[in-house]
Amino acid sequence: QVQLVESGGGLVQAGGSLRLSCEASGSIFSINAMGWYRQAPGKKRELVAAIGSGGRTDTADSVKGRFTISSHFAKNTVNLQMNSLKPEDTAVYYCYADGGDYGDYWGQGTQVTVSS
């Protein structure tokens, strides 16, 4: 089992910045990728950004140029730096870990609210 604990959400004005952090514990040997998803009210959960243990990243078009994902797999952490935030970025953000054959893991979610 892997436990994921997120931090860093909150309320910010449009154009502002927030940094989300996620720390994994437990059976971390199984993790081969980590990332962030988000879910806005009435919408499906969507990928925001992900990063593999080799450093390859995948970022949603809607946040490219504004959000940056980084990780320190040795420290079992993944961060999401969010700049130039827009009201449409408002959502619950979930940390995600791909445990391969052991399955996928999710954090409890952290609310990000961007006011106009």
C-alpha atoms as a PDB file:
ATOM      1  CA  GLN A   1       0.000   0.000   0.000  1.00  0.00           C
ATOM      2  CA  VAL A   2       1.000   3.577  -0.683  1.00  0.00           C
ATOM      3  CA  GLN A   3      -0.300   6.581   1.204  1.00  0.00           C
ATOM      4  CA  LEU A   4      -0.320  10.010  -0.424  1.00  0.00           C
ATOM      5  CA  VAL A   5      -0.618  13.234   1.546  1.00  0.00           C
ATOM      6  CA  GLU A   6      -1.190  16.507  -0.282  1.00  0.00           C
ATOM      7  CA  SER A   7      -0.663  20.064   0.894  1.00  0.00           C
ATOM      8  CA  GLY A   8      -0.666  23.571  -0.498  1.00  0.00           C
ATOM      9  CA  GLY A   9      -4.179  24.208  -1.748  1.00  0.00           C
ATOM     10  CA  GLY A  10      -6.126  27.343  -0.935  1.00  0.00           C
ATOM     11  CA  LEU A  11      -7.779  30.495  -2.215  1.00  0.00           C
ATOM     12  CA  VAL A  12      -5.962  32.820  -4.591  1.00  0.00           C
ATOM     13  CA  GLN A  13      -6.888  35.651  -6.910  1.00  0.00           C
ATOM     14  CA  ALA A  14      -6.708  35.243 -10.667  1.00  0.00           C
ATOM     15  CA  GLY A  15      -3.146  35.700 -11.868  1.00  0.00           C
ATOM     16  CA  GLY A  16      -1.721  34.427  -8.607  1.00  0.00           C
ATOM     17  CA  SER A  17       0.323  31.340  -7.810  1.00  0.00           C
ATOM     18  CA  LEU A  18       0.086  28.263  -5.616  1.00  0.00           C
ATOM     19  CA  ARG A  19       2.370  25.304  -5.069  1.00  0.00           C
ATOM     20  CA  LEU A  20       0.972  21.860  -4.339  1.00  0.00           C
ATOM     21  CA  SER A  21       3.078  19.164  -2.729  1.00  0.00           C
ATOM     22  CA  CYS A  22       2.499  15.446  -2.285  1.00  0.00           C
ATOM     23  CA  GLU A  23       4.499  13.004  -0.228  1.00  0.00           C
ATOM     24  CA  ALA A  24       4.233   9.256  -0.612  1.00  0.00           C
ATOM     25  CA  SER A  25       4.842   6.707   2.111  1.00  0.00           C
ATOM     26  CA  GLY A  26       4.460   2.954   2.468  1.00  0.00           C
ATOM     27  CA  SER A  27       5.338   0.602  -0.409  1.00  0.00           C
ATOM     28  CA  ILE A  28       7.036   3.326  -2.403  1.00  0.00           C
ATOM     29  CA  PHE A  29       9.265   0.846  -4.236  1.00  0.00           C
ATOM     30  CA  SER A  30       6.318   0.121  -6.517  1.00  0.00           C
ATOM     31  CA  ILE A  31       5.871   3.709  -7.743  1.00  0.00           C
ATOM     32  CA  ASN A  32       6.942   4.347 -11.321  1.00  0.00           C
ATOM     33  CA  ALA A  33       5.083   7.605 -11.953  1.00  0.00           C
ATOM     34  CA  MET A  34       3.345  10.330  -9.980  1.00  0.00           C
ATOM     35  CA  GLY A  35       1.133  13.181 -10.961  1.00  0.00           C
ATOM     36  CA  TRP A  36      -1.831  15.436 -10.357  1.00  0.00           C
ATOM     37  CA  TYR A  37      -5.422  15.194 -11.473  1.00  0.00           C
ATOM     38  CA  ARG A  38      -8.218  17.649 -10.826  1.00  0.00           C
ATOM     39  CA  GLN A  39     -11.987  17.535 -10.698  1.00  0.00           C
ATOM     40  CA  ALA A  40     -14.229  20.561 -10.921  1.00  0.00           C
ATOM     41  CA  PRO A  41     -17.906  20.423  -9.839  1.00  0.00           C
ATOM     42  CA  GLY A  42     -19.971  18.598 -12.423  1.00  0.00           C
ATOM     43  CA  LYS A  43     -16.944  17.609 -14.483  1.00  0.00           C
ATOM     44  CA  LYS A  44     -14.889  14.458 -14.923  1.00  0.00           C
ATOM     45  CA  ARG A  45     -11.546  14.039 -13.226  1.00  0.00           C
ATOM     46  CA  GLU A  46      -8.798  15.076 -15.634  1.00  0.00           C
ATOM     47  CA  LEU A  47      -5.053  14.759 -15.804  1.00  0.00           C
ATOM     48  CA  VAL A  48      -3.180  17.964 -15.047  1.00  0.00           C
ATOM     49  CA  ALA A  49       0.409  16.748 -15.169  1.00  0.00           C
ATOM     50  CA  ALA A  50       2.396  13.598 -14.545  1.00  0.00           C
ATOM     51  CA  ILE A  51       6.051  12.662 -14.285  1.00  0.00           C
ATOM     52  CA  GLY A  52       7.746   9.297 -14.601  1.00  0.00           C
ATOM     53  CA  SER A  53      10.661   8.015 -12.596  1.00  0.00           C
ATOM     54  CA  GLY A  54      12.852   8.691 -15.628  1.00  0.00           C
ATOM     55  CA  GLY A  55      11.821  12.340 -15.644  1.00  0.00           C
ATOM     56  CA  ARG A  56       9.473  12.294 -18.622  1.00  0.00           C
ATOM     57  CA  THR A  57       6.530  14.648 -18.100  1.00  0.00           C
ATOM     58  CA  ASP A  58       3.029  14.876 -19.520  1.00  0.00           C
ATOM     59  CA  THR A  59       1.096  18.151 -19.119  1.00  0.00           C
ATOM     60  CA  ALA A  60      -2.462  19.017 -20.109  1.00  0.00           C
ATOM     61  CA  ASP A  61      -2.732  21.577 -22.888  1.00  0.00           C
ATOM     62  CA  SER A  62      -4.936  23.771 -20.699  1.00  0.00           C
ATOM     63  CA  VAL A  63      -2.106  24.362 -18.212  1.00  0.00           C
ATOM     64  CA  LYS A  64       0.993  24.241 -20.412  1.00  0.00           C
ATOM     65  CA  GLY A  65       3.211  27.255 -19.855  1.00  0.00           C
ATOM     66  CA  ARG A  66       1.553  27.970 -16.501  1.00  0.00           C
ATOM     67  CA  PHE A  67       1.947  24.794 -14.426  1.00  0.00           C
ATOM     68  CA  THR A  68       5.172  22.896 -13.818  1.00  0.00           C
ATOM     69  CA  ILE A  69       5.464  19.454 -12.298  1.00  0.00           C
ATOM     70  CA  SER A  70       8.604  18.320 -10.514  1.00  0.00           C
ATOM     71  CA  SER A  71       9.510  15.346  -8.409  1.00  0.00           C
ATOM     72  CA  HIS A  72      12.150  13.920  -6.159  1.00  0.00           C
ATOM     73  CA  PHE A  73      11.565  10.195  -6.332  1.00  0.00           C
ATOM     74  CA  ALA A  74      14.298   9.533  -3.786  1.00  0.00           C
ATOM     75  CA  LYS A  75      12.301  11.673  -1.352  1.00  0.00           C
ATOM     76  CA  ASN A  76       8.997  10.301  -2.656  1.00  0.00           C
ATOM     77  CA  THR A  77       7.581  13.733  -3.393  1.00  0.00           C
ATOM     78  CA  VAL A  78       5.923  15.420  -6.321  1.00  0.00           C
ATOM     79  CA  ASN A  79       5.153  19.112  -6.608  1.00  0.00           C
ATOM     80  CA  LEU A  80       2.976  21.213  -8.867  1.00  0.00           C
ATOM     81  CA  GLN A  81       3.873  24.859  -9.280  1.00  0.00           C
ATOM     82  CA  MET A  82       0.829  26.718 -10.575  1.00  0.00           C
ATOM     83  CA  ASN A  83       1.304  30.232 -11.953  1.00  0.00           C
ATOM     84  CA  SER A  84      -1.045  32.641 -13.719  1.00  0.00           C
ATOM     85  CA  LEU A  85      -4.017  30.887 -12.189  1.00  0.00           C
ATOM     86  CA  LYS A  86      -7.420  31.327 -13.776  1.00  0.00           C
ATOM     87  CA  PRO A  87     -10.913  30.893 -12.320  1.00  0.00           C
ATOM     88  CA  GLU A  88     -11.330  27.803 -14.516  1.00  0.00           C
ATOM     89  CA  ASP A  89      -8.461  26.162 -12.611  1.00  0.00           C
ATOM     90  CA  THR A  90     -10.762  25.954  -9.590  1.00  0.00           C
ATOM     91  CA  ALA A  91     -11.089  22.299  -8.635  1.00  0.00           C
ATOM     92  CA  VAL A  92     -10.125  19.646  -6.152  1.00  0.00           C
ATOM     93  CA  TYR A  93      -6.603  18.534  -7.003  1.00  0.00           C
ATOM     94  CA  TYR A  94      -5.627  14.921  -6.354  1.00  0.00           C
ATOM     95  CA  CYS A  95      -2.156  13.471  -6.095  1.00  0.00           C
ATOM     96  CA  TYR A  96      -1.758  10.209  -7.972  1.00  0.00           C
ATOM     97  CA  ALA A  97       0.811   7.419  -7.936  1.00  0.00           C
ATOM     98  CA  ASP A  98       1.114   4.651 -10.484  1.00  0.00           C
ATOM     99  CA  GLY A  99       2.123   1.554  -8.606  1.00  0.00           C
ATOM    100  CA  GLY A 100       2.346  -0.671 -11.681  1.00  0.00           C
ATOM    101  CA  ASP A 101       1.177  -4.213 -10.917  1.00  0.00           C
ATOM    102  CA  TYR A 102       0.296  -3.099  -7.388  1.00  0.00           C
ATOM    103  CA  GLY A 103      -2.324  -0.657  -8.635  1.00  0.00           C
ATOM    104  CA  ASP A 104      -3.001   3.068  -8.550  1.00  0.00           C
ATOM    105  CA  TYR A 105      -3.096   5.239  -5.463  1.00  0.00           C
ATOM    106  CA  TRP A 106      -4.839   8.533  -4.735  1.00  0.00           C
ATOM    107  CA  GLY A 107      -4.527  11.265  -2.174  1.00  0.00           C
ATOM    108  CA  GLN A 108      -7.498  12.721  -0.337  1.00  0.00           C
ATOM    109  CA  GLY A 109      -7.568  15.838  -2.509  1.00  0.00           C
ATOM    110  CA  THR A 110      -6.871  19.496  -1.847  1.00  0.00           C
ATOM    111  CA  GLN A 111      -9.143  22.373  -2.849  1.00  0.00           C
ATOM    112  CA  VAL A 112      -7.830  25.100  -5.127  1.00  0.00           C
ATOM    113  CA  THR A 113     -10.099  28.095  -5.589  1.00  0.00           C
ATOM    114  CA  VAL A 114      -9.239  30.955  -7.942  1.00  0.00           C
ATOM    115  CA  SER A 115     -11.333  34.083  -7.587  1.00  0.00           C
ATOM    116  CA  SER A 116     -11.894  36.491 -10.464  1.00  0.00           C
END
